[in-house]
């Protein structure tokens, strides 16, 4: 693989609730733990913990908004995540092509015997 993979970033995006939160934040432009908890089947406290994870890896940034924090997706960090996913996908595609070529060669060899 040519691109380095950020394990913390992928651990953060590996959770389906956090991915759904990112989707909502991208669609709405921003949101709070309260606004997200109204749209997801988890508590506000769970949402706040998930937002903390996303914030630590730089996928979202929170700014004070009264008694809460308003979170926005960091589009540059999201683009970095997408780039890493593409690199990982390309590497696996290359591996699978090699496996296929080896399997086809073995099959040809067996037919010739």
PDB file of N, CA and C in Angstrom:
ATOM      1  N   UNK A   1       0.839  -1.177   0.000  1.00  0.00           N
ATOM      2  CA  UNK A   1       0.000   0.000   0.000  1.00  0.00           C
ATOM      3  C   UNK A   1       0.885   1.240   0.000  1.00  0.00           C
ATOM      4  N   UNK A   2       0.548   2.195  -0.803  1.00  0.00           N
ATOM      5  CA  UNK A   2       1.373   3.387  -0.864  1.00  0.00           C
ATOM      6  C   UNK A   2       0.969   4.432   0.172  1.00  0.00           C
ATOM      7  N   UNK A   3      -0.302   4.538   0.497  1.00  0.00           N
ATOM      8  CA  UNK A   3      -0.757   5.533   1.469  1.00  0.00           C
ATOM      9  C   UNK A   3      -0.774   4.921   2.861  1.00  0.00           C
ATOM     10  N   UNK A   4      -0.304   5.678   3.830  1.00  0.00           N
ATOM     11  CA  UNK A   4      -0.337   5.207   5.206  1.00  0.00           C
ATOM     12  C   UNK A   4      -1.780   5.253   5.703  1.00  0.00           C
ATOM     13  N   UNK A   5      -2.152   4.231   6.448  1.00  0.00           N
ATOM     14  CA  UNK A   5      -3.505   4.156   6.975  1.00  0.00           C
ATOM     15  C   UNK A   5      -3.477   4.575   8.435  1.00  0.00           C
ATOM     16  N   UNK A   6      -4.340   5.480   8.793  1.00  0.00           N
ATOM     17  CA  UNK A   6      -4.454   5.986  10.151  1.00  0.00           C
ATOM     18  C   UNK A   6      -5.429   5.083  10.912  1.00  0.00           C
ATOM     19  N   UNK A   7      -4.889   4.196  11.755  1.00  0.00           N
ATOM     20  CA  UNK A   7      -5.731   3.231  12.463  1.00  0.00           C
ATOM     21  C   UNK A   7      -6.752   3.902  13.373  1.00  0.00           C
ATOM     22  N   UNK A   8      -6.377   4.997  14.043  1.00  0.00           N
ATOM     23  CA  UNK A   8      -7.325   5.694  14.910  1.00  0.00           C
ATOM     24  C   UNK A   8      -8.486   6.262  14.105  1.00  0.00           C
ATOM     25  N   UNK A   9      -8.174   6.807  12.954  1.00  0.00           N
ATOM     26  CA  UNK A   9      -9.212   7.354  12.082  1.00  0.00           C
ATOM     27  C   UNK A   9     -10.181   6.255  11.660  1.00  0.00           C
ATOM     28  N   UNK A  10      -9.632   5.113  11.255  1.00  0.00           N
ATOM     29  CA  UNK A  10     -10.494   4.036  10.783  1.00  0.00           C
ATOM     30  C   UNK A  10     -11.230   3.356  11.900  1.00  0.00           C
ATOM     31  N   UNK A  11     -10.667   3.351  13.084  1.00  0.00           N
ATOM     32  CA  UNK A  11     -11.392   2.843  14.240  1.00  0.00           C
ATOM     33  C   UNK A  11     -12.599   3.735  14.511  1.00  0.00           C
ATOM     34  N   UNK A  12     -12.409   5.036  14.378  1.00  0.00           N
ATOM     35  CA  UNK A  12     -13.504   5.984  14.605  1.00  0.00           C
ATOM     36  C   UNK A  12     -14.606   5.819  13.567  1.00  0.00           C
ATOM     37  N   UNK A  13     -14.244   5.658  12.303  1.00  0.00           N
ATOM     38  CA  UNK A  13     -15.257   5.561  11.257  1.00  0.00           C
ATOM     39  C   UNK A  13     -15.829   4.155  11.154  1.00  0.00           C
ATOM     40  N   UNK A  14     -15.220   3.213  11.851  1.00  0.00           N
ATOM     41  CA  UNK A  14     -15.698   1.837  11.805  1.00  0.00           C
ATOM     42  C   UNK A  14     -17.018   1.623  12.524  1.00  0.00           C
ATOM     43  N   UNK A  15     -17.396   2.555  13.363  1.00  0.00           N
ATOM     44  CA  UNK A  15     -18.630   2.412  14.123  1.00  0.00           C
ATOM     45  C   UNK A  15     -19.822   2.932  13.316  1.00  0.00           C
ATOM     46  N   UNK A  16     -20.872   2.118  13.145  1.00  0.00           N
ATOM     47  CA  UNK A  16     -22.016   2.543  12.327  1.00  0.00           C
ATOM     48  C   UNK A  16     -22.733   3.788  12.864  1.00  0.00           C
ATOM     49  N   UNK A  17     -22.799   3.939  14.181  1.00  0.00           N
ATOM     50  CA  UNK A  17     -23.451   5.130  14.738  1.00  0.00           C
ATOM     51  C   UNK A  17     -22.661   6.376  14.370  1.00  0.00           C
ATOM     52  N   UNK A  18     -21.335   6.298  14.450  1.00  0.00           N
ATOM     53  CA  UNK A  18     -20.520   7.467  14.093  1.00  0.00           C
ATOM     54  C   UNK A  18     -20.629   7.781  12.609  1.00  0.00           C
ATOM     55  N   UNK A  19     -20.710   6.744  11.767  1.00  0.00           N
ATOM     56  CA  UNK A  19     -20.884   7.003  10.328  1.00  0.00           C
ATOM     57  C   UNK A  19     -22.219   7.696  10.074  1.00  0.00           C
ATOM     58  N   UNK A  20     -23.260   7.255  10.758  1.00  0.00           N
ATOM     59  CA  UNK A  20     -24.576   7.889  10.595  1.00  0.00           C
ATOM     60  C   UNK A  20     -24.531   9.334  11.086  1.00  0.00           C
ATOM     61  N   UNK A  21     -23.810   9.566  12.187  1.00  0.00           N
ATOM     62  CA  UNK A  21     -23.665  10.934  12.691  1.00  0.00           C
ATOM     63  C   UNK A  21     -22.966  11.810  11.660  1.00  0.00           C
ATOM     64  N   UNK A  22     -21.909  11.297  11.043  1.00  0.00           N
ATOM     65  CA  UNK A  22     -21.214  12.058  10.005  1.00  0.00           C
ATOM     66  C   UNK A  22     -22.160  12.375   8.851  1.00  0.00           C
ATOM     67  N   UNK A  23     -22.967  11.383   8.451  1.00  0.00           N
ATOM     68  CA  UNK A  23     -23.948  11.612   7.378  1.00  0.00           C
ATOM     69  C   UNK A  23     -24.887  12.758   7.740  1.00  0.00           C
ATOM     70  N   UNK A  24     -25.405  12.729   8.975  1.00  0.00           N
ATOM     71  CA  UNK A  24     -26.339  13.770   9.401  1.00  0.00           C
ATOM     72  C   UNK A  24     -25.664  15.137   9.454  1.00  0.00           C
ATOM     73  N   UNK A  25     -24.446  15.174   9.995  1.00  0.00           N
ATOM     74  CA  UNK A  25     -23.735  16.457  10.071  1.00  0.00           C
ATOM     75  C   UNK A  25     -23.434  17.009   8.683  1.00  0.00           C
ATOM     76  N   UNK A  26     -23.074  16.133   7.762  1.00  0.00           N
ATOM     77  CA  UNK A  26     -22.813  16.583   6.388  1.00  0.00           C
ATOM     78  C   UNK A  26     -24.093  17.096   5.740  1.00  0.00           C
ATOM     79  N   UNK A  27     -25.192  16.397   5.957  1.00  0.00           N
ATOM     80  CA  UNK A  27     -26.460  16.802   5.348  1.00  0.00           C
ATOM     81  C   UNK A  27     -26.967  18.119   5.928  1.00  0.00           C
ATOM     82  N   UNK A  28     -26.808  18.290   7.241  1.00  0.00           N
ATOM     83  CA  UNK A  28     -27.353  19.469   7.913  1.00  0.00           C
ATOM     84  C   UNK A  28     -26.373  20.636   8.000  1.00  0.00           C
ATOM     85  N   UNK A  29     -25.107  20.372   7.800  1.00  0.00           N
ATOM     86  CA  UNK A  29     -24.088  21.414   7.928  1.00  0.00           C
ATOM     87  C   UNK A  29     -23.454  21.440   9.298  1.00  0.00           C
ATOM     88  N   UNK A  30     -24.237  21.166  10.336  1.00  0.00           N
ATOM     89  CA  UNK A  30     -23.706  21.088  11.697  1.00  0.00           C
ATOM     90  C   UNK A  30     -24.774  20.501  12.597  1.00  0.00           C
ATOM     91  N   UNK A  31     -24.430  20.309  13.869  1.00  0.00           N
ATOM     92  CA  UNK A  31     -25.410  19.770  14.801  1.00  0.00           C
ATOM     93  C   UNK A  31     -24.837  19.694  16.201  1.00  0.00           C
ATOM     94  N   UNK A  32     -25.699  19.478  17.159  1.00  0.00           N
ATOM     95  CA  UNK A  32     -25.304  19.335  18.555  1.00  0.00           C
ATOM     96  C   UNK A  32     -25.596  17.902  18.996  1.00  0.00           C
ATOM     97  N   UNK A  33     -25.095  17.543  20.166  1.00  0.00           N
ATOM     98  CA  UNK A  33     -25.399  16.220  20.701  1.00  0.00           C
ATOM     99  C   UNK A  33     -26.908  16.043  20.855  1.00  0.00           C
ATOM    100  N   UNK A  34     -27.581  17.088  21.279  1.00  0.00           N
ATOM    101  CA  UNK A  34     -29.035  17.023  21.453  1.00  0.00           C
ATOM    102  C   UNK A  34     -29.744  16.827  20.126  1.00  0.00           C
ATOM    103  N   UNK A  35     -29.376  17.625  19.117  1.00  0.00           N
ATOM    104  CA  UNK A  35     -30.058  17.505  17.821  1.00  0.00           C
ATOM    105  C   UNK A  35     -29.794  16.143  17.177  1.00  0.00           C
ATOM    106  N   UNK A  36     -28.595  15.617  17.352  1.00  0.00           N
ATOM    107  CA  UNK A  36     -28.287  14.298  16.791  1.00  0.00           C
ATOM    108  C   UNK A  36     -29.023  13.194  17.548  1.00  0.00           C
ATOM    109  N   UNK A  37     -29.130  13.331  18.867  1.00  0.00           N
ATOM    110  CA  UNK A  37     -29.800  12.288  19.656  1.00  0.00           C
ATOM    111  C   UNK A  37     -31.287  12.212  19.330  1.00  0.00           C
ATOM    112  N   UNK A  38     -31.864  13.301  18.847  1.00  0.00           N
ATOM    113  CA  UNK A  38     -33.267  13.293  18.446  1.00  0.00           C
ATOM    114  C   UNK A  38     -33.493  12.492  17.174  1.00  0.00           C
ATOM    115  N   UNK A  39     -32.417  12.264  16.418  1.00  0.00           N
ATOM    116  CA  UNK A  39     -32.546  11.585  15.124  1.00  0.00           C
ATOM    117  C   UNK A  39     -31.924  10.201  15.105  1.00  0.00           C
ATOM    118  N   UNK A  40     -31.279   9.822  16.204  1.00  0.00           N
ATOM    119  CA  UNK A  40     -30.619   8.521  16.266  1.00  0.00           C
ATOM    120  C   UNK A  40     -31.143   7.740  17.476  1.00  0.00           C
ATOM    121  N   UNK A  41     -31.122   6.414  17.397  1.00  0.00           N
ATOM    122  CA  UNK A  41     -31.668   5.597  18.482  1.00  0.00           C
ATOM    123  C   UNK A  41     -30.685   5.383  19.646  1.00  0.00           C
ATOM    124  N   UNK A  42     -29.977   6.434  20.037  1.00  0.00           N
ATOM    125  CA  UNK A  42     -29.057   6.359  21.176  1.00  0.00           C
ATOM    126  C   UNK A  42     -29.233   7.604  22.037  1.00  0.00           C
ATOM    127  N   UNK A  43     -28.748   7.522  23.260  1.00  0.00           N
ATOM    128  CA  UNK A  43     -28.919   8.645  24.183  1.00  0.00           C
ATOM    129  C   UNK A  43     -28.026   9.818  23.817  1.00  0.00           C
ATOM    130  N   UNK A  44     -28.355  10.969  24.355  1.00  0.00           N
ATOM    131  CA  UNK A  44     -27.540  12.161  24.157  1.00  0.00           C
ATOM    132  C   UNK A  44     -26.132  11.934  24.694  1.00  0.00           C
ATOM    133  N   UNK A  45     -26.029  11.244  25.835  1.00  0.00           N
ATOM    134  CA  UNK A  45     -24.715  10.976  26.421  1.00  0.00           C
ATOM    135  C   UNK A  45     -23.873  10.090  25.502  1.00  0.00           C
ATOM    136  N   UNK A  46     -24.497   9.096  24.888  1.00  0.00           N
ATOM    137  CA  UNK A  46     -23.773   8.239  23.941  1.00  0.00           C
ATOM    138  C   UNK A  46     -23.322   9.047  22.729  1.00  0.00           C
ATOM    139  N   UNK A  47     -24.200   9.927  22.249  1.00  0.00           N
ATOM    140  CA  UNK A  47     -23.852  10.789  21.114  1.00  0.00           C
ATOM    141  C   UNK A  47     -22.653  11.664  21.482  1.00  0.00           C
ATOM    142  N   UNK A  48     -22.660  12.236  22.695  1.00  0.00           N
ATOM    143  CA  UNK A  48     -21.558  13.095  23.132  1.00  0.00           C
ATOM    144  C   UNK A  48     -20.245  12.306  23.147  1.00  0.00           C
ATOM    145  N   UNK A  49     -20.288  11.048  23.584  1.00  0.00           N
ATOM    146  CA  UNK A  49     -19.074  10.220  23.584  1.00  0.00           C
ATOM    147  C   UNK A  49     -18.595   9.969  22.150  1.00  0.00           C
ATOM    148  N   UNK A  50     -19.527   9.650  21.270  1.00  0.00           N
ATOM    149  CA  UNK A  50     -19.170   9.414  19.864  1.00  0.00           C
ATOM    150  C   UNK A  50     -18.577  10.681  19.237  1.00  0.00           C
ATOM    151  N   UNK A  51     -19.168  11.821  19.550  1.00  0.00           N
ATOM    152  CA  UNK A  51     -18.633  13.089  19.030  1.00  0.00           C
ATOM    153  C   UNK A  51     -17.215  13.320  19.547  1.00  0.00           C
ATOM    154  N   UNK A  52     -16.950  12.947  20.793  1.00  0.00           N
ATOM    155  CA  UNK A  52     -15.603  13.071  21.350  1.00  0.00           C
ATOM    156  C   UNK A  52     -14.592  12.241  20.571  1.00  0.00           C
ATOM    157  N   UNK A  53     -14.988  11.032  20.190  1.00  0.00           N
ATOM    158  CA  UNK A  53     -14.103  10.167  19.390  1.00  0.00           C
ATOM    159  C   UNK A  53     -13.838  10.811  18.029  1.00  0.00           C
ATOM    160  N   UNK A  54     -14.902  11.268  17.383  1.00  0.00           N
ATOM    161  CA  UNK A  54     -14.748  11.894  16.057  1.00  0.00           C
ATOM    162  C   UNK A  54     -13.913  13.164  16.143  1.00  0.00           C
ATOM    163  N   UNK A  55     -14.058  13.901  17.233  1.00  0.00           N
ATOM    164  CA  UNK A  55     -13.281  15.124  17.441  1.00  0.00           C
ATOM    165  C   UNK A  55     -11.796  14.800  17.636  1.00  0.00           C
ATOM    166  N   UNK A  56     -11.507  13.762  18.406  1.00  0.00           N
ATOM    167  CA  UNK A  56     -10.100  13.388  18.663  1.00  0.00           C
ATOM    168  C   UNK A  56      -9.340  13.024  17.387  1.00  0.00           C
ATOM    169  N   UNK A  57     -10.039  12.411  16.429  1.00  0.00           N
ATOM    170  CA  UNK A  57      -9.368  12.047  15.175  1.00  0.00           C
ATOM    171  C   UNK A  57      -9.490  13.141  14.120  1.00  0.00           C
ATOM    172  N   UNK A  58     -10.130  14.250  14.484  1.00  0.00           N
ATOM    173  CA  UNK A  58     -10.187  15.403  13.582  1.00  0.00           C
ATOM    174  C   UNK A  58     -11.286  15.374  12.545  1.00  0.00           C
ATOM    175  N   UNK A  59     -12.214  14.413  12.638  1.00  0.00           N
ATOM    176  CA  UNK A  59     -13.289  14.368  11.649  1.00  0.00           C
ATOM    177  C   UNK A  59     -14.367  15.414  11.901  1.00  0.00           C
ATOM    178  N   UNK A  60     -14.518  15.829  13.150  1.00  0.00           N
ATOM    179  CA  UNK A  60     -15.447  16.917  13.469  1.00  0.00           C
ATOM    180  C   UNK A  60     -14.744  17.897  14.398  1.00  0.00           C
ATOM    181  N   UNK A  61     -15.254  19.104  14.421  1.00  0.00           N
ATOM    182  CA  UNK A  61     -14.756  20.125  15.346  1.00  0.00           C
ATOM    183  C   UNK A  61     -15.956  20.787  15.991  1.00  0.00           C
ATOM    184  N   UNK A  62     -15.883  20.943  17.304  1.00  0.00           N
ATOM    185  CA  UNK A  62     -16.979  21.554  18.032  1.00  0.00           C
ATOM    186  C   UNK A  62     -16.654  22.971  18.458  1.00  0.00           C
ATOM    187  N   UNK A  63     -17.653  23.825  18.406  1.00  0.00           N
ATOM    188  CA  UNK A  63     -17.517  25.197  18.904  1.00  0.00           C
ATOM    189  C   UNK A  63     -18.645  25.439  19.904  1.00  0.00           C
ATOM    190  N   UNK A  64     -18.352  26.208  20.953  1.00  0.00           N
ATOM    191  CA  UNK A  64     -19.390  26.472  21.954  1.00  0.00           C
ATOM    192  C   UNK A  64     -20.602  27.156  21.331  1.00  0.00           C
ATOM    193  N   UNK A  65     -21.783  26.700  21.756  1.00  0.00           N
ATOM    194  CA  UNK A  65     -23.042  27.296  21.300  1.00  0.00           C
ATOM    195  C   UNK A  65     -23.989  27.283  22.495  1.00  0.00           C
ATOM    196  N   UNK A  66     -23.902  28.308  23.309  1.00  0.00           N
ATOM    197  CA  UNK A  66     -24.709  28.335  24.524  1.00  0.00           C
ATOM    198  C   UNK A  66     -24.213  27.272  25.494  1.00  0.00           C
ATOM    199  N   UNK A  67     -25.130  26.427  25.948  1.00  0.00           N
ATOM    200  CA  UNK A  67     -24.747  25.365  26.883  1.00  0.00           C
ATOM    201  C   UNK A  67     -24.237  24.109  26.177  1.00  0.00           C
ATOM    202  N   UNK A  68     -24.253  24.098  24.865  1.00  0.00           N
ATOM    203  CA  UNK A  68     -23.815  22.926  24.104  1.00  0.00           C
ATOM    204  C   UNK A  68     -22.648  23.289  23.191  1.00  0.00           C
ATOM    205  N   UNK A  69     -22.210  22.300  22.439  1.00  0.00           N
ATOM    206  CA  UNK A  69     -21.210  22.504  21.397  1.00  0.00           C
ATOM    207  C   UNK A  69     -21.867  22.157  20.068  1.00  0.00           C
ATOM    208  N   UNK A  70     -21.566  22.969  19.075  1.00  0.00           N
ATOM    209  CA  UNK A  70     -22.073  22.735  17.727  1.00  0.00           C
ATOM    210  C   UNK A  70     -20.931  22.123  16.922  1.00  0.00           C
ATOM    211  N   UNK A  71     -21.194  20.967  16.314  1.00  0.00           N
ATOM    212  CA  UNK A  71     -20.161  20.219  15.594  1.00  0.00           C
ATOM    213  C   UNK A  71     -20.348  20.329  14.095  1.00  0.00           C
ATOM    214  N   UNK A  72     -19.204  20.445  13.405  1.00  0.00           N
ATOM    215  CA  UNK A  72     -19.160  20.450  11.938  1.00  0.00           C
ATOM    216  C   UNK A  72     -18.132  19.423  11.494  1.00  0.00           C
ATOM    217  N   UNK A  73     -18.358  18.834  10.332  1.00  0.00           N
ATOM    218  CA  UNK A  73     -17.407  17.880   9.765  1.00  0.00           C
ATOM    219  C   UNK A  73     -16.220  18.646   9.201  1.00  0.00           C
ATOM    220  N   UNK A  74     -15.020  18.147   9.470  1.00  0.00           N
ATOM    221  CA  UNK A  74     -13.804  18.703   8.868  1.00  0.00           C
ATOM    222  C   UNK A  74     -13.650  18.036   7.504  1.00  0.00           C
ATOM    223  N   UNK A  75     -13.967  18.780   6.471  1.00  0.00           N
ATOM    224  CA  UNK A  75     -13.999  18.192   5.126  1.00  0.00           C
ATOM    225  C   UNK A  75     -12.623  17.741   4.643  1.00  0.00           C
ATOM    226  N   UNK A  76     -11.561  18.408   5.072  1.00  0.00           N
ATOM    227  CA  UNK A  76     -10.209  17.993   4.676  1.00  0.00           C
ATOM    228  C   UNK A  76      -9.874  16.639   5.296  1.00  0.00           C
ATOM    229  N   UNK A  77     -10.224  16.455   6.560  1.00  0.00           N
ATOM    230  CA  UNK A  77      -9.953  15.171   7.218  1.00  0.00           C
ATOM    231  C   UNK A  77     -10.838  14.075   6.630  1.00  0.00           C
ATOM    232  N   UNK A  78     -12.069  14.411   6.292  1.00  0.00           N
ATOM    233  CA  UNK A  78     -12.943  13.431   5.651  1.00  0.00           C
ATOM    234  C   UNK A  78     -12.380  13.033   4.294  1.00  0.00           C
ATOM    235  N   UNK A  79     -11.861  13.997   3.546  1.00  0.00           N
ATOM    236  CA  UNK A  79     -11.239  13.693   2.246  1.00  0.00           C
ATOM    237  C   UNK A  79     -10.030  12.782   2.434  1.00  0.00           C
ATOM    238  N   UNK A  80      -9.274  13.001   3.508  1.00  0.00           N
ATOM    239  CA  UNK A  80      -8.130  12.132   3.822  1.00  0.00           C
ATOM    240  C   UNK A  80      -8.609  10.711   4.086  1.00  0.00           C
ATOM    241  N   UNK A  81      -9.697  10.569   4.825  1.00  0.00           N
ATOM    242  CA  UNK A  81     -10.255   9.251   5.113  1.00  0.00           C
ATOM    243  C   UNK A  81     -10.705   8.556   3.828  1.00  0.00           C
ATOM    244  N   UNK A  82     -11.370   9.300   2.953  1.00  0.00           N
ATOM    245  CA  UNK A  82     -11.827   8.744   1.684  1.00  0.00           C
ATOM    246  C   UNK A  82     -10.634   8.304   0.838  1.00  0.00           C
ATOM    247  N   UNK A  83      -9.586   9.103   0.834  1.00  0.00           N
ATOM    248  CA  UNK A  83      -8.378   8.766   0.085  1.00  0.00           C
ATOM    249  C   UNK A  83      -7.755   7.477   0.621  1.00  0.00           C
ATOM    250  N   UNK A  84      -7.716   7.350   1.936  1.00  0.00           N
ATOM    251  CA  UNK A  84      -7.173   6.124   2.529  1.00  0.00           C
ATOM    252  C   UNK A  84      -8.020   4.924   2.144  1.00  0.00           C
ATOM    253  N   UNK A  85      -9.334   5.076   2.176  1.00  0.00           N
ATOM    254  CA  UNK A  85     -10.225   3.981   1.817  1.00  0.00           C
ATOM    255  C   UNK A  85      -9.996   3.570   0.364  1.00  0.00           C
ATOM    256  N   UNK A  86      -9.838   4.541  -0.511  1.00  0.00           N
ATOM    257  CA  UNK A  86      -9.567   4.240  -1.925  1.00  0.00           C
ATOM    258  C   UNK A  86      -8.256   3.485  -2.085  1.00  0.00           C
ATOM    259  N   UNK A  87      -7.226   3.906  -1.337  1.00  0.00           N
ATOM    260  CA  UNK A  87      -5.923   3.235  -1.417  1.00  0.00           C
ATOM    261  C   UNK A  87      -6.016   1.801  -0.916  1.00  0.00           C
ATOM    262  N   UNK A  88      -6.720   1.603   0.178  1.00  0.00           N
ATOM    263  CA  UNK A  88      -6.894   0.250   0.719  1.00  0.00           C
ATOM    264  C   UNK A  88      -7.666  -0.609  -0.275  1.00  0.00           C
ATOM    265  N   UNK A  89      -8.729  -0.054  -0.855  1.00  0.00           N
ATOM    266  CA  UNK A  89      -9.512  -0.786  -1.844  1.00  0.00           C
ATOM    267  C   UNK A  89      -8.681  -1.166  -3.061  1.00  0.00           C
ATOM    268  N   UNK A  90      -7.863  -0.251  -3.540  1.00  0.00           N
ATOM    269  CA  UNK A  90      -7.012  -0.536  -4.698  1.00  0.00           C
ATOM    270  C   UNK A  90      -5.999  -1.626  -4.376  1.00  0.00           C
ATOM    271  N   UNK A  91      -5.444  -1.591  -3.174  1.00  0.00           N
ATOM    272  CA  UNK A  91      -4.472  -2.613  -2.774  1.00  0.00           C
ATOM    273  C   UNK A  91      -5.136  -3.997  -2.718  1.00  0.00           C
ATOM    274  N   UNK A  92      -6.347  -4.063  -2.183  1.00  0.00           N
ATOM    275  CA  UNK A  92      -7.053  -5.348  -2.121  1.00  0.00           C
ATOM    276  C   UNK A  92      -7.454  -5.817  -3.507  1.00  0.00           C
ATOM    277  N   UNK A  93      -7.847  -4.905  -4.382  1.00  0.00           N
ATOM    278  CA  UNK A  93      -8.167  -5.288  -5.759  1.00  0.00           C
ATOM    279  C   UNK A  93      -6.952  -5.913  -6.429  1.00  0.00           C
ATOM    280  N   UNK A  94      -5.780  -5.317  -6.221  1.00  0.00           N
ATOM    281  CA  UNK A  94      -4.544  -5.856  -6.807  1.00  0.00           C
ATOM    282  C   UNK A  94      -4.244  -7.253  -6.247  1.00  0.00           C
ATOM    283  N   UNK A  95      -4.417  -7.429  -4.945  1.00  0.00           N
ATOM    284  CA  UNK A  95      -4.196  -8.747  -4.333  1.00  0.00           C
ATOM    285  C   UNK A  95      -5.145  -9.785  -4.927  1.00  0.00           C
ATOM    286  N   UNK A  96      -6.408  -9.422  -5.060  1.00  0.00           N
ATOM    287  CA  UNK A  96      -7.388 -10.361  -5.603  1.00  0.00           C
ATOM    288  C   UNK A  96      -7.082 -10.719  -7.055  1.00  0.00           C
ATOM    289  N   UNK A  97      -6.595  -9.741  -7.839  1.00  0.00           N
ATOM    290  CA  UNK A  97      -6.205 -10.044  -9.227  1.00  0.00           C
ATOM    291  C   UNK A  97      -5.047 -11.039  -9.258  1.00  0.00           C
ATOM    292  N   UNK A  98      -4.072 -10.865  -8.357  1.00  0.00           N
ATOM    293  CA  UNK A  98      -2.953 -11.813  -8.285  1.00  0.00           C
ATOM    294  C   UNK A  98      -3.427 -13.200  -7.898  1.00  0.00           C
ATOM    295  N   UNK A  99      -4.321 -13.287  -6.917  1.00  0.00           N
ATOM    296  CA  UNK A  99      -4.855 -14.585  -6.499  1.00  0.00           C
ATOM    297  C   UNK A  99      -5.593 -15.250  -7.658  1.00  0.00           C
ATOM    298  N   UNK A 100      -6.357 -14.470  -8.397  1.00  0.00           N
ATOM    299  CA  UNK A 100      -7.098 -15.010  -9.536  1.00  0.00           C
ATOM    300  C   UNK A 100      -6.141 -15.554 -10.595  1.00  0.00           C
ATOM    301  N   UNK A 101      -5.070 -14.799 -10.891  1.00  0.00           N
ATOM    302  CA  UNK A 101      -4.096 -15.266 -11.885  1.00  0.00           C
ATOM    303  C   UNK A 101      -3.439 -16.569 -11.428  1.00  0.00           C
ATOM    304  N   UNK A 102      -3.103 -16.678 -10.159  1.00  0.00           N
ATOM    305  CA  UNK A 102      -2.485 -17.901  -9.632  1.00  0.00           C
ATOM    306  C   UNK A 102      -3.456 -19.071  -9.741  1.00  0.00           C
ATOM    307  N   UNK A 103      -4.722 -18.842  -9.359  1.00  0.00           N
ATOM    308  CA  UNK A 103      -5.726 -19.909  -9.430  1.00  0.00           C
ATOM    309  C   UNK A 103      -5.941 -20.355 -10.877  1.00  0.00           C
ATOM    310  N   UNK A 104      -5.982 -19.407 -11.805  1.00  0.00           N
ATOM    311  CA  UNK A 104      -6.161 -19.762 -13.216  1.00  0.00           C
ATOM    312  C   UNK A 104      -4.964 -20.549 -13.741  1.00  0.00           C
ATOM    313  N   UNK A 105      -3.764 -20.161 -13.314  1.00  0.00           N
ATOM    314  CA  UNK A 105      -2.563 -20.892 -13.746  1.00  0.00           C
ATOM    315  C   UNK A 105      -2.580 -22.322 -13.205  1.00  0.00           C
ATOM    316  N   UNK A 106      -2.985 -22.498 -11.980  1.00  0.00           N
ATOM    317  CA  UNK A 106      -3.074 -23.850 -11.389  1.00  0.00           C
ATOM    318  C   UNK A 106      -4.115 -24.672 -12.142  1.00  0.00           C
ATOM    319  N   UNK A 107      -5.235 -24.051 -12.461  1.00  0.00           N
ATOM    320  CA  UNK A 107      -6.299 -24.745 -13.194  1.00  0.00           C
ATOM    321  C   UNK A 107      -5.816 -25.175 -14.572  1.00  0.00           C
ATOM    322  N   UNK A 108      -5.112 -24.282 -15.280  1.00  0.00           N
ATOM    323  CA  UNK A 108      -4.572 -24.609 -16.598  1.00  0.00           C
ATOM    324  C   UNK A 108      -3.587 -25.775 -16.498  1.00  0.00           C
ATOM    325  N   UNK A 109      -2.731 -25.711 -15.487  1.00  0.00           N
ATOM    326  CA  UNK A 109      -1.717 -26.746 -15.287  1.00  0.00           C
ATOM    327  C   UNK A 109      -2.380 -28.101 -15.036  1.00  0.00           C
ATOM    328  N   UNK A 110      -3.442 -28.133 -14.277  1.00  0.00           N
ATOM    329  CA  UNK A 110      -4.144 -29.399 -14.002  1.00  0.00           C
ATOM    330  C   UNK A 110      -4.787 -29.957 -15.261  1.00  0.00           C
ATOM    331  N   UNK A 111      -5.315 -29.071 -16.118  1.00  0.00           N
ATOM    332  CA  UNK A 111      -5.926 -29.521 -17.366  1.00  0.00           C
ATOM    333  C   UNK A 111      -4.892 -30.110 -18.313  1.00  0.00           C
ATOM    334  N   UNK A 112      -3.683 -29.572 -18.274  1.00  0.00           N
ATOM    335  CA  UNK A 112      -2.626 -30.044 -19.161  1.00  0.00           C
ATOM    336  C   UNK A 112      -2.038 -31.366 -18.711  1.00  0.00           C
ATOM    337  N   UNK A 113      -2.215 -31.713 -17.454  1.00  0.00           N
ATOM    338  CA  UNK A 113      -1.630 -32.962 -16.928  1.00  0.00           C
ATOM    339  C   UNK A 113      -2.398 -34.178 -17.317  1.00  0.00           C
TER     340      UNK A 113
END
